[in-house]
Every structure is written in C-alpha cells, then in structure tokens.
C-alpha cells in the first residue's frame, strides 16, 4: 500500500513551513525589485526576460540536485507551448500592474487567483464545486471589491484592471498545470516554461533593451534570483508537508509587501486594503479547508511568478 501524505518518510512539516515562508519572502522581494526596475526605467519585456535569465541557474541547480536527467523529455510539447503563452501573458500583466499599484494592493488582489481557479475548475475541468466553495469564491470577490474601492480609490484604475486580469491568468495557469501534470513532472513543466518564455522575450528584446548602470543591473539580478529561489522553495515545501499545512503561510507575503512598501516606497495601505485582505484570506482558507475535508489535499506546485 502506498504511503499516505502524513506517513511518508520525507515528511517534515516544520521544514515545509519554513520553505513556504522562504518562498513568500522571495516573491515579495521580487515584486519590490520589479517596482524598483520600473523606477529605473526598465521596460516590461526586459524585466520579464531577466526574471527568467537570472532565475535559470537556481532551476538548473534544482534539477541537478535531483539528478533528473530526463527533465527535457516530453510527450506533449504543444501543451507546454500553450502553458507558456498563457503563463508569460499572465506574468506581463502582473509585472505591469506593479508599475501602477503599491505592493500591498497588488499582492492582495493576487490572492484572488485561487478563487478564479476554483471557478474555472468547475467550468473547464467539470469538477464538482459545492455551495460551500462557491460561497467562498463569492466572498473572496467581495473582498477584491473592497480593496478596489470602486468610485473612491486613490490608485489608477488601469493598475487594478491589470492586477485582476493577472489573478485570472494565474487561475487559468493553475488549470493548465493540473492538466499537464497528469503526464509531465513539475521540473519538466517549469523548465519548458522558462526556456519557451525566454525565447519569446528574446525575439522582442532588441526593440526594448537599453544600457543600464550597475545599480539597475543589481536590481535585475536580484529580480531573477528572488524569483528563481522562490519557485524552488515553493515547490520544495510540498515535498515535506501537505498543501493544507503550507498554503496558509502564503499570506505572509502580504506582511512583507506592506513592510517593503513602507520602507522602500513610503506606501502605507489604507484600512480598506486590510479589510479586503482579511475577507480574501478568510475565503481562501475556507476553500482550502473544504478541499482538505473532501480529500483533495494533494501536493500541487503553484505556477511560477
């Protein structure tokens, strides 16, 4: 009989939690690097390209550590092309939203991605979604509206629209990864996504690339390394602890976003952002609880940012 998630010999919940917190910390700093990159005059295609280019070494170290010599092989190349197109488009939307929104608001709206994934799983994968989880989805979107503050927001509407589209895109990516994951390994999926995205971005880079000073290059290197190690920590956390244990710690990214926004950009989120975040987080945790109760607590890697 196969070992259960709680009885596998490699289970170490504290290590899994630590890795998950490390991942959220890396992603928060990555978002800060993106905003600093925009302030330094770096274009969106450049930011995305260097996110992959400098994030590739941690990925290759991860693959070498696992001695996964078959990571390049795939029986579904076109599925990876589709996943890369959706994922890259989503990344460009998420990066662009950070040009307009403070870190806290952008991070909070990003938490709506799992809610989109639940709705899309019912529409696309025909999974059964009961009234409890539909209620959580509706509640989460109410929280998003609270953050957006229609008619009374102080942040550009374009930034809010981009963030919502990015969250929806992450939901779509989650569905595609679940479909690809039936036959492809996590490292194979991430590697193909990285290489295909770099190829697409390299084709347009000559139209956007420009010379940068040492400080800007440091930002770009930090962007790639934080993103690369964040993905490594995110996926590794699921090796040592169940989804229901580590996912609640994803919300520590909001604390980092607030702190970094305050110290680096002098942004302090208003009370409505905190209120909306509380509603979104509550809905996300309830959705996770229902998934666990229904026996769907299976290790699944979140899509890379």
C-alpha atoms as a PDB file:
ATOM      1  CA  UNK A   1       0.000   0.000   0.000  1.00  0.00           C
ATOM      2  CA  UNK A   2       1.280   3.467  -0.881  1.00  0.00           C
ATOM      3  CA  UNK A   3       2.293   5.685   1.995  1.00  0.00           C
ATOM      4  CA  UNK A   4      -0.080   8.488   2.885  1.00  0.00           C
ATOM      5  CA  UNK A   5       0.945  12.160   2.872  1.00  0.00           C
ATOM      6  CA  UNK A   6       1.294  12.147   6.646  1.00  0.00           C
ATOM      7  CA  UNK A   7       3.293   8.900   6.821  1.00  0.00           C
ATOM      8  CA  UNK A   8       5.827   9.378   4.017  1.00  0.00           C
ATOM      9  CA  UNK A   9       9.382   9.134   5.370  1.00  0.00           C
ATOM     10  CA  UNK A  10      10.349  12.520   3.914  1.00  0.00           C
ATOM     11  CA  UNK A  11       7.649  14.403   5.791  1.00  0.00           C
ATOM     12  CA  UNK A  12       8.951  17.311   7.887  1.00  0.00           C
ATOM     13  CA  UNK A  13       6.216  19.849   8.409  1.00  0.00           C
ATOM     14  CA  UNK A  14       8.387  22.484  10.076  1.00  0.00           C
ATOM     15  CA  UNK A  15      10.822  22.362   7.166  1.00  0.00           C
ATOM     16  CA  UNK A  16       7.924  22.565   4.710  1.00  0.00           C
ATOM     17  CA  UNK A  17       6.538  25.609   6.504  1.00  0.00           C
ATOM     18  CA  UNK A  18       9.968  27.224   6.595  1.00  0.00           C
ATOM     19  CA  UNK A  19      10.434  26.681   2.871  1.00  0.00           C
ATOM     20  CA  UNK A  20       6.993  28.117   2.159  1.00  0.00           C
ATOM     21  CA  UNK A  21       7.743  31.249   4.178  1.00  0.00           C
ATOM     22  CA  UNK A  22      11.059  31.479   2.332  1.00  0.00           C
ATOM     23  CA  UNK A  23       9.140  31.337  -0.955  1.00  0.00           C
ATOM     24  CA  UNK A  24       6.717  34.113   0.005  1.00  0.00           C
ATOM     25  CA  UNK A  25       9.639  36.228   1.217  1.00  0.00           C
ATOM     26  CA  UNK A  26      11.434  35.768  -2.109  1.00  0.00           C
ATOM     27  CA  UNK A  27       8.321  36.632  -4.114  1.00  0.00           C
ATOM     28  CA  UNK A  28       7.712  39.770  -2.037  1.00  0.00           C
ATOM     29  CA  UNK A  29      11.279  40.943  -2.639  1.00  0.00           C
ATOM     30  CA  UNK A  30      10.911  40.031  -6.319  1.00  0.00           C
ATOM     31  CA  UNK A  31       7.874  42.321  -6.539  1.00  0.00           C
ATOM     32  CA  UNK A  32       9.895  45.097  -4.886  1.00  0.00           C
ATOM     33  CA  UNK A  33      12.654  44.574  -7.473  1.00  0.00           C
ATOM     34  CA  UNK A  34      10.070  44.912 -10.253  1.00  0.00           C
ATOM     35  CA  UNK A  35       8.877  48.264  -8.905  1.00  0.00           C
ATOM     36  CA  UNK A  36      12.467  49.462  -8.485  1.00  0.00           C
ATOM     37  CA  UNK A  37      13.158  48.324 -12.042  1.00  0.00           C
ATOM     38  CA  UNK A  38      10.292  50.422 -13.351  1.00  0.00           C
ATOM     39  CA  UNK A  39      11.579  53.407 -11.400  1.00  0.00           C
ATOM     40  CA  UNK A  40      14.988  52.880 -13.014  1.00  0.00           C
ATOM     41  CA  UNK A  41      13.398  52.973 -16.473  1.00  0.00           C
ATOM     42  CA  UNK A  42      13.500  49.255 -17.307  1.00  0.00           C
ATOM     43  CA  UNK A  43      10.802  48.098 -19.734  1.00  0.00           C
ATOM     44  CA  UNK A  44       8.366  45.265 -19.009  1.00  0.00           C
ATOM     45  CA  UNK A  45       9.850  42.842 -21.601  1.00  0.00           C
ATOM     46  CA  UNK A  46      13.317  43.415 -20.129  1.00  0.00           C
ATOM     47  CA  UNK A  47      12.088  42.772 -16.590  1.00  0.00           C
ATOM     48  CA  UNK A  48      10.407  39.540 -17.657  1.00  0.00           C
ATOM     49  CA  UNK A  49      13.407  38.337 -19.677  1.00  0.00           C
ATOM     50  CA  UNK A  50      15.883  38.883 -16.845  1.00  0.00           C
ATOM     51  CA  UNK A  51      13.461  37.281 -14.396  1.00  0.00           C
ATOM     52  CA  UNK A  52      13.895  34.088 -16.422  1.00  0.00           C
ATOM     53  CA  UNK A  53      17.562  34.563 -17.374  1.00  0.00           C
ATOM     54  CA  UNK A  54      18.831  35.104 -13.829  1.00  0.00           C
ATOM     55  CA  UNK A  55      16.268  32.682 -12.424  1.00  0.00           C
ATOM     56  CA  UNK A  56      17.519  29.871 -14.666  1.00  0.00           C
ATOM     57  CA  UNK A  57      20.635  28.997 -12.574  1.00  0.00           C
ATOM     58  CA  UNK A  58      18.610  28.111  -9.424  1.00  0.00           C
ATOM     59  CA  UNK A  59      16.319  25.999 -11.612  1.00  0.00           C
ATOM     60  CA  UNK A  60      19.270  24.122 -13.127  1.00  0.00           C
ATOM     61  CA  UNK A  61      20.770  23.588  -9.661  1.00  0.00           C
ATOM     62  CA  UNK A  62      17.439  22.156  -8.516  1.00  0.00           C
ATOM     63  CA  UNK A  63      17.348  19.775 -11.496  1.00  0.00           C
ATOM     64  CA  UNK A  64      20.986  18.738 -10.991  1.00  0.00           C
ATOM     65  CA  UNK A  65      20.374  18.164  -7.275  1.00  0.00           C
ATOM     66  CA  UNK A  66      17.582  15.736  -8.150  1.00  0.00           C
ATOM     67  CA  UNK A  67      19.708  14.160 -10.914  1.00  0.00           C
ATOM     68  CA  UNK A  68      16.695  14.351 -13.201  1.00  0.00           C
ATOM     69  CA  UNK A  69      18.396  13.541 -16.498  1.00  0.00           C
ATOM     70  CA  UNK A  70      15.064  13.023 -18.249  1.00  0.00           C
ATOM     71  CA  UNK A  71      13.768  16.502 -17.422  1.00  0.00           C
ATOM     72  CA  UNK A  72      13.980  17.598 -21.066  1.00  0.00           C
ATOM     73  CA  UNK A  73      11.744  14.839 -22.348  1.00  0.00           C
ATOM     74  CA  UNK A  74       8.083  15.459 -23.021  1.00  0.00           C
ATOM     75  CA  UNK A  75       5.329  13.808 -24.981  1.00  0.00           C
ATOM     76  CA  UNK A  76       3.227  16.981 -25.062  1.00  0.00           C
ATOM     77  CA  UNK A  77       5.315  19.845 -26.497  1.00  0.00           C
ATOM     78  CA  UNK A  78       2.293  21.796 -27.729  1.00  0.00           C
ATOM     79  CA  UNK A  79       0.726  21.645 -24.269  1.00  0.00           C
ATOM     80  CA  UNK A  80       3.872  23.330 -22.936  1.00  0.00           C
ATOM     81  CA  UNK A  81       3.663  25.961 -25.668  1.00  0.00           C
ATOM     82  CA  UNK A  82       0.077  26.748 -24.643  1.00  0.00           C
ATOM     83  CA  UNK A  83       1.018  26.836 -20.969  1.00  0.00           C
ATOM     84  CA  UNK A  84       3.992  29.105 -21.714  1.00  0.00           C
ATOM     85  CA  UNK A  85       1.860  31.513 -23.772  1.00  0.00           C
ATOM     86  CA  UNK A  86      -0.725  31.816 -21.001  1.00  0.00           C
ATOM     87  CA  UNK A  87       1.898  31.973 -18.264  1.00  0.00           C
ATOM     88  CA  UNK A  88       4.020  34.599 -19.992  1.00  0.00           C
ATOM     89  CA  UNK A  89       0.989  36.750 -20.742  1.00  0.00           C
ATOM     90  CA  UNK A  90      -0.036  36.491 -17.109  1.00  0.00           C
ATOM     91  CA  UNK A  91       3.441  37.431 -15.948  1.00  0.00           C
ATOM     92  CA  UNK A  92       3.489  40.523 -18.167  1.00  0.00           C
ATOM     93  CA  UNK A  93       0.114  41.592 -16.745  1.00  0.00           C
ATOM     94  CA  UNK A  94       1.308  41.051 -13.174  1.00  0.00           C
ATOM     95  CA  UNK A  95       4.538  42.955 -13.781  1.00  0.00           C
ATOM     96  CA  UNK A  96       2.679  45.808 -15.473  1.00  0.00           C
ATOM     97  CA  UNK A  97       0.250  46.135 -12.556  1.00  0.00           C
ATOM     98  CA  UNK A  98       3.204  46.813 -10.264  1.00  0.00           C
ATOM     99  CA  UNK A  99       4.038  49.879 -12.331  1.00  0.00           C
ATOM    100  CA  UNK A 100       0.797  51.433 -11.058  1.00  0.00           C
ATOM    101  CA  UNK A 101      -0.123  49.772  -7.751  1.00  0.00           C
ATOM    102  CA  UNK A 102       1.531  49.753  -4.323  1.00  0.00           C
ATOM    103  CA  UNK A 103       2.906  46.374  -3.287  1.00  0.00           C
ATOM    104  CA  UNK A 104       0.175  45.727  -0.714  1.00  0.00           C
ATOM    105  CA  UNK A 105      -2.737  46.296  -3.102  1.00  0.00           C
ATOM    106  CA  UNK A 106      -1.131  44.280  -5.901  1.00  0.00           C
ATOM    107  CA  UNK A 107      -0.368  41.386  -3.538  1.00  0.00           C
ATOM    108  CA  UNK A 108      -3.843  41.398  -2.025  1.00  0.00           C
ATOM    109  CA  UNK A 109      -5.623  41.251  -5.383  1.00  0.00           C
ATOM    110  CA  UNK A 110      -3.242  38.466  -6.416  1.00  0.00           C
ATOM    111  CA  UNK A 111      -4.659  36.344  -3.602  1.00  0.00           C
ATOM    112  CA  UNK A 112      -7.863  36.087  -5.644  1.00  0.00           C
ATOM    113  CA  UNK A 113      -6.125  33.717  -8.091  1.00  0.00           C
ATOM    114  CA  UNK A 114      -7.153  30.509  -6.225  1.00  0.00           C
ATOM    115  CA  UNK A 115     -10.760  31.704  -6.307  1.00  0.00           C
ATOM    116  CA  UNK A 116     -10.596  32.025 -10.092  1.00  0.00           C
ATOM    117  CA  UNK A 117      -9.035  28.561 -10.196  1.00  0.00           C
ATOM    118  CA  UNK A 118     -11.972  27.077  -8.271  1.00  0.00           C
ATOM    119  CA  UNK A 119     -14.491  28.674 -10.636  1.00  0.00           C
ATOM    120  CA  UNK A 120     -12.522  27.598 -13.716  1.00  0.00           C
ATOM    121  CA  UNK A 121     -12.154  24.035 -12.418  1.00  0.00           C
ATOM    122  CA  UNK A 122     -15.942  23.789 -12.435  1.00  0.00           C
ATOM    123  CA  UNK A 123     -16.323  25.342 -15.878  1.00  0.00           C
ATOM    124  CA  UNK A 124     -13.372  23.723 -17.685  1.00  0.00           C
ATOM    125  CA  UNK A 125     -12.491  20.545 -15.787  1.00  0.00           C
ATOM    126  CA  UNK A 126     -16.132  19.884 -14.865  1.00  0.00           C
ATOM    127  CA  UNK A 127     -15.123  19.322 -11.254  1.00  0.00           C
ATOM    128  CA  UNK A 128     -17.885  19.336  -8.681  1.00  0.00           C
ATOM    129  CA  UNK A 129     -17.869  22.588  -6.713  1.00  0.00           C
ATOM    130  CA  UNK A 130     -20.397  22.607  -3.902  1.00  0.00           C
ATOM    131  CA  UNK A 131     -22.242  25.526  -2.404  1.00  0.00           C
ATOM    132  CA  UNK A 132     -19.664  25.946   0.352  1.00  0.00           C
ATOM    133  CA  UNK A 133     -16.811  26.614  -2.045  1.00  0.00           C
ATOM    134  CA  UNK A 134     -18.971  28.736  -4.353  1.00  0.00           C
ATOM    135  CA  UNK A 135     -19.850  30.832  -1.300  1.00  0.00           C
ATOM    136  CA  UNK A 136     -16.153  31.207  -0.517  1.00  0.00           C
ATOM    137  CA  UNK A 137     -15.481  32.321  -4.109  1.00  0.00           C
ATOM    138  CA  UNK A 138     -18.219  34.959  -3.947  1.00  0.00           C
ATOM    139  CA  UNK A 139     -16.941  36.153  -0.567  1.00  0.00           C
ATOM    140  CA  UNK A 140     -13.412  36.419  -1.933  1.00  0.00           C
ATOM    141  CA  UNK A 141     -14.528  38.554  -4.850  1.00  0.00           C
ATOM    142  CA  UNK A 142     -16.350  40.831  -2.415  1.00  0.00           C
ATOM    143  CA  UNK A 143     -13.000  41.254  -0.688  1.00  0.00           C
ATOM    144  CA  UNK A 144     -11.415  42.213  -4.012  1.00  0.00           C
ATOM    145  CA  UNK A 145     -14.093  44.879  -4.491  1.00  0.00           C
ATOM    146  CA  UNK A 146     -13.327  46.241  -1.031  1.00  0.00           C
ATOM    147  CA  UNK A 147      -9.655  46.570  -1.977  1.00  0.00           C
ATOM    148  CA  UNK A 148     -10.531  48.208  -5.294  1.00  0.00           C
ATOM    149  CA  UNK A 149     -12.894  50.683  -3.590  1.00  0.00           C
ATOM    150  CA  UNK A 150     -14.982  51.497  -6.717  1.00  0.00           C
ATOM    151  CA  UNK A 151     -15.528  55.219  -7.051  1.00  0.00           C
ATOM    152  CA  UNK A 152     -13.227  56.126  -4.183  1.00  0.00           C
ATOM    153  CA  UNK A 153      -9.845  54.620  -4.944  1.00  0.00           C
ATOM    154  CA  UNK A 154      -6.611  56.573  -4.892  1.00  0.00           C
ATOM    155  CA  UNK A 155      -4.778  54.163  -7.189  1.00  0.00           C
ATOM    156  CA  UNK A 156      -5.029  54.158 -11.009  1.00  0.00           C
ATOM    157  CA  UNK A 157      -7.866  52.089 -12.412  1.00  0.00           C
ATOM    158  CA  UNK A 158      -5.543  50.648 -15.057  1.00  0.00           C
ATOM    159  CA  UNK A 159      -3.415  49.115 -12.321  1.00  0.00           C
ATOM    160  CA  UNK A 160      -6.444  47.476 -10.703  1.00  0.00           C
ATOM    161  CA  UNK A 161      -7.627  46.087 -14.045  1.00  0.00           C
ATOM    162  CA  UNK A 162      -4.174  44.680 -14.802  1.00  0.00           C
ATOM    163  CA  UNK A 163      -3.974  43.051 -11.361  1.00  0.00           C
ATOM    164  CA  UNK A 164      -7.406  41.450 -11.738  1.00  0.00           C
ATOM    165  CA  UNK A 165      -6.519  40.132 -15.198  1.00  0.00           C
ATOM    166  CA  UNK A 166      -3.245  38.778 -13.815  1.00  0.00           C
ATOM    167  CA  UNK A 167      -5.080  36.989 -10.985  1.00  0.00           C
ATOM    168  CA  UNK A 168      -7.467  35.493 -13.521  1.00  0.00           C
ATOM    169  CA  UNK A 169      -4.492  34.447 -15.633  1.00  0.00           C
ATOM    170  CA  UNK A 170      -2.922  32.664 -12.664  1.00  0.00           C
ATOM    171  CA  UNK A 171      -6.205  30.823 -12.219  1.00  0.00           C
ATOM    172  CA  UNK A 172      -6.067  29.721 -15.868  1.00  0.00           C
ATOM    173  CA  UNK A 173      -2.414  28.693 -15.477  1.00  0.00           C
ATOM    174  CA  UNK A 174      -3.366  26.597 -12.461  1.00  0.00           C
ATOM    175  CA  UNK A 175      -5.890  24.700 -14.570  1.00  0.00           C
ATOM    176  CA  UNK A 176      -3.401  24.129 -17.409  1.00  0.00           C
ATOM    177  CA  UNK A 177      -0.739  22.923 -14.967  1.00  0.00           C
ATOM    178  CA  UNK A 178      -3.202  20.457 -13.457  1.00  0.00           C
ATOM    179  CA  UNK A 179      -3.927  19.129 -16.934  1.00  0.00           C
ATOM    180  CA  UNK A 180      -0.259  18.925 -17.941  1.00  0.00           C
ATOM    181  CA  UNK A 181       0.664  17.476 -14.545  1.00  0.00           C
ATOM    182  CA  UNK A 182      -1.198  14.276 -15.354  1.00  0.00           C
ATOM    183  CA  UNK A 183       1.689  13.248 -17.615  1.00  0.00           C
ATOM    184  CA  UNK A 184       4.514  15.766 -17.012  1.00  0.00           C
ATOM    185  CA  UNK A 185       6.713  16.308 -13.970  1.00  0.00           C
ATOM    186  CA  UNK A 186       6.996  19.635 -12.174  1.00  0.00           C
ATOM    187  CA  UNK A 187      10.608  20.242 -13.224  1.00  0.00           C
ATOM    188  CA  UNK A 188       9.783  19.457 -16.849  1.00  0.00           C
ATOM    189  CA  UNK A 189       6.892  21.925 -16.797  1.00  0.00           C
ATOM    190  CA  UNK A 190       8.940  24.691 -15.174  1.00  0.00           C
ATOM    191  CA  UNK A 191      11.930  24.145 -17.469  1.00  0.00           C
ATOM    192  CA  UNK A 192       9.866  24.239 -20.656  1.00  0.00           C
ATOM    193  CA  UNK A 193       8.024  27.329 -19.410  1.00  0.00           C
ATOM    194  CA  UNK A 194      11.307  29.079 -18.662  1.00  0.00           C
ATOM    195  CA  UNK A 195      13.004  28.256 -21.953  1.00  0.00           C
ATOM    196  CA  UNK A 196       9.984  28.960 -24.168  1.00  0.00           C
ATOM    197  CA  UNK A 197       9.321  32.264 -22.391  1.00  0.00           C
ATOM    198  CA  UNK A 198      12.961  33.317 -22.714  1.00  0.00           C
ATOM    199  CA  UNK A 199      12.844  32.505 -26.425  1.00  0.00           C
ATOM    200  CA  UNK A 200       9.703  34.593 -26.947  1.00  0.00           C
ATOM    201  CA  UNK A 201      11.060  37.525 -24.946  1.00  0.00           C
ATOM    202  CA  UNK A 202      14.457  37.378 -26.657  1.00  0.00           C
ATOM    203  CA  UNK A 203      12.727  37.893 -30.008  1.00  0.00           C
ATOM    204  CA  UNK A 204      11.398  41.309 -28.912  1.00  0.00           C
ATOM    205  CA  UNK A 205      14.243  42.299 -26.587  1.00  0.00           C
ATOM    206  CA  UNK A 206      16.197  44.180 -29.295  1.00  0.00           C
ATOM    207  CA  UNK A 207      13.302  46.650 -29.536  1.00  0.00           C
ATOM    208  CA  UNK A 208      13.232  47.315 -25.765  1.00  0.00           C
ATOM    209  CA  UNK A 209      16.734  46.680 -24.424  1.00  0.00           C
ATOM    210  CA  UNK A 210      18.825  49.607 -23.287  1.00  0.00           C
ATOM    211  CA  UNK A 211      22.057  50.212 -21.397  1.00  0.00           C
ATOM    212  CA  UNK A 212      21.853  50.101 -17.608  1.00  0.00           C
ATOM    213  CA  UNK A 213      24.096  51.239 -14.784  1.00  0.00           C
ATOM    214  CA  UNK A 214      25.460  48.907 -12.117  1.00  0.00           C
ATOM    215  CA  UNK A 215      22.637  49.661  -9.699  1.00  0.00           C
ATOM    216  CA  UNK A 216      19.979  48.728 -12.261  1.00  0.00           C
ATOM    217  CA  UNK A 217      21.800  45.509 -13.131  1.00  0.00           C
ATOM    218  CA  UNK A 218      21.853  44.642  -9.435  1.00  0.00           C
ATOM    219  CA  UNK A 219      18.072  45.080  -9.396  1.00  0.00           C
ATOM    220  CA  UNK A 220      17.682  42.809 -12.435  1.00  0.00           C
ATOM    221  CA  UNK A 221      19.929  40.120 -10.974  1.00  0.00           C
ATOM    222  CA  UNK A 222      18.038  40.308  -7.685  1.00  0.00           C
ATOM    223  CA  UNK A 223      14.735  40.044  -9.564  1.00  0.00           C
ATOM    224  CA  UNK A 224      15.809  36.816 -11.267  1.00  0.00           C
ATOM    225  CA  UNK A 225      17.398  35.238  -8.204  1.00  0.00           C
ATOM    226  CA  UNK A 226      14.479  36.024  -5.901  1.00  0.00           C
ATOM    227  CA  UNK A 227      12.068  34.625  -8.497  1.00  0.00           C
ATOM    228  CA  UNK A 228      14.170  31.524  -9.135  1.00  0.00           C
ATOM    229  CA  UNK A 229      14.758  30.658  -5.490  1.00  0.00           C
ATOM    230  CA  UNK A 230      11.132  31.487  -4.675  1.00  0.00           C
ATOM    231  CA  UNK A 231       9.980  28.874  -7.177  1.00  0.00           C
ATOM    232  CA  UNK A 232      12.496  26.374  -5.782  1.00  0.00           C
ATOM    233  CA  UNK A 233      11.334  26.927  -2.195  1.00  0.00           C
ATOM    234  CA  UNK A 234       7.668  26.902  -3.213  1.00  0.00           C
ATOM    235  CA  UNK A 235       7.882  23.520  -4.897  1.00  0.00           C
ATOM    236  CA  UNK A 236      10.208  22.010  -2.290  1.00  0.00           C
ATOM    237  CA  UNK A 237       7.814  22.922   0.524  1.00  0.00           C
ATOM    238  CA  UNK A 238       5.296  20.440  -0.897  1.00  0.00           C
ATOM    239  CA  UNK A 239       7.813  17.623  -0.589  1.00  0.00           C
ATOM    240  CA  UNK A 240       7.896  17.939   3.166  1.00  0.00           C
ATOM    241  CA  UNK A 241       4.374  18.954   4.166  1.00  0.00           C
ATOM    242  CA  UNK A 242       0.801  18.657   2.819  1.00  0.00           C
ATOM    243  CA  UNK A 243      -0.856  21.502   0.930  1.00  0.00           C
ATOM    244  CA  UNK A 244      -3.216  22.206   3.832  1.00  0.00           C
ATOM    245  CA  UNK A 245      -0.240  22.801   6.139  1.00  0.00           C
ATOM    246  CA  UNK A 246       1.881  25.115   3.980  1.00  0.00           C
ATOM    247  CA  UNK A 247      -0.596  27.124   1.869  1.00  0.00           C
ATOM    248  CA  UNK A 248      -1.920  29.265   4.774  1.00  0.00           C
ATOM    249  CA  UNK A 249       1.608  30.663   5.110  1.00  0.00           C
ATOM    250  CA  UNK A 250       1.368  32.104   1.588  1.00  0.00           C
ATOM    251  CA  UNK A 251      -0.411  35.035   3.163  1.00  0.00           C
ATOM    252  CA  UNK A 252       2.780  36.105   4.951  1.00  0.00           C
ATOM    253  CA  UNK A 253       3.654  37.628   1.581  1.00  0.00           C
ATOM    254  CA  UNK A 254       1.186  40.405   2.366  1.00  0.00           C
ATOM    255  CA  UNK A 255       3.107  41.304   5.523  1.00  0.00           C
ATOM    256  CA  UNK A 256       6.314  41.511   3.533  1.00  0.00           C
ATOM    257  CA  UNK A 257       4.576  43.576   0.857  1.00  0.00           C
ATOM    258  CA  UNK A 258       3.382  46.064   3.467  1.00  0.00           C
ATOM    259  CA  UNK A 259       6.801  46.304   5.117  1.00  0.00           C
ATOM    260  CA  UNK A 260       8.698  46.672   1.843  1.00  0.00           C
ATOM    261  CA  UNK A 261       6.148  49.148   0.513  1.00  0.00           C
ATOM    262  CA  UNK A 262       6.541  51.187   3.675  1.00  0.00           C
ATOM    263  CA  UNK A 263      10.347  51.131   3.933  1.00  0.00           C
ATOM    264  CA  UNK A 264      11.238  51.388   0.244  1.00  0.00           C
ATOM    265  CA  UNK A 265       8.352  53.262  -1.361  1.00  0.00           C
ATOM    266  CA  UNK A 266       6.765  55.057   1.636  1.00  0.00           C
ATOM    267  CA  UNK A 267       3.367  53.464   0.905  1.00  0.00           C
ATOM    268  CA  UNK A 268       1.013  52.686   3.769  1.00  0.00           C
ATOM    269  CA  UNK A 269      -2.114  50.695   2.811  1.00  0.00           C
ATOM    270  CA  UNK A 270      -5.462  52.193   3.887  1.00  0.00           C
ATOM    271  CA  UNK A 271      -7.910  50.402   6.167  1.00  0.00           C
ATOM    272  CA  UNK A 272      -9.928  49.157   3.170  1.00  0.00           C
ATOM    273  CA  UNK A 273      -6.928  47.200   1.900  1.00  0.00           C
ATOM    274  CA  UNK A 274      -6.588  45.442   5.256  1.00  0.00           C
ATOM    275  CA  UNK A 275     -10.328  44.758   5.356  1.00  0.00           C
ATOM    276  CA  UNK A 276     -10.398  43.376   1.839  1.00  0.00           C
ATOM    277  CA  UNK A 277      -7.298  41.275   2.520  1.00  0.00           C
ATOM    278  CA  UNK A 278      -8.952  39.772   5.600  1.00  0.00           C
ATOM    279  CA  UNK A 279     -12.020  38.785   3.553  1.00  0.00           C
ATOM    280  CA  UNK A 280      -9.953  37.308   0.699  1.00  0.00           C
ATOM    281  CA  UNK A 281      -7.699  35.389   3.085  1.00  0.00           C
ATOM    282  CA  UNK A 282     -10.692  34.041   5.011  1.00  0.00           C
ATOM    283  CA  UNK A 283     -12.326  32.835   1.797  1.00  0.00           C
ATOM    284  CA  UNK A 284      -9.075  31.257   0.633  1.00  0.00           C
ATOM    285  CA  UNK A 285      -8.551  29.424   3.899  1.00  0.00           C
ATOM    286  CA  UNK A 286     -12.132  28.175   3.873  1.00  0.00           C
ATOM    287  CA  UNK A 287     -11.711  26.920   0.317  1.00  0.00           C
ATOM    288  CA  UNK A 288      -8.542  25.123   1.419  1.00  0.00           C
ATOM    289  CA  UNK A 289     -10.425  23.615   4.369  1.00  0.00           C
ATOM    290  CA  UNK A 290     -13.142  22.293   2.077  1.00  0.00           C
ATOM    291  CA  UNK A 291     -10.543  20.831  -0.306  1.00  0.00           C
ATOM    292  CA  UNK A 292      -8.893  19.043   2.613  1.00  0.00           C
ATOM    293  CA  UNK A 293     -12.197  17.816   4.029  1.00  0.00           C
ATOM    294  CA  UNK A 294     -13.207  16.394   0.659  1.00  0.00           C
ATOM    295  CA  UNK A 295      -9.936  14.504   0.401  1.00  0.00           C
ATOM    296  CA  UNK A 296      -8.340  16.615  -2.318  1.00  0.00           C
ATOM    297  CA  UNK A 297      -5.270  17.571  -0.322  1.00  0.00           C
ATOM    298  CA  UNK A 298      -2.696  16.551  -2.918  1.00  0.00           C
ATOM    299  CA  UNK A 299       0.687  18.209  -3.374  1.00  0.00           C
ATOM    300  CA  UNK A 300       0.419  20.611  -6.312  1.00  0.00           C
ATOM    301  CA  UNK A 301       3.022  23.209  -7.134  1.00  0.00           C
ATOM    302  CA  UNK A 302       1.766  26.713  -7.667  1.00  0.00           C
ATOM    303  CA  UNK A 303       2.610  28.287 -11.014  1.00  0.00           C
ATOM    304  CA  UNK A 304       5.818  30.279 -11.055  1.00  0.00           C
ATOM    305  CA  UNK A 305       5.549  34.032 -10.999  1.00  0.00           C
END
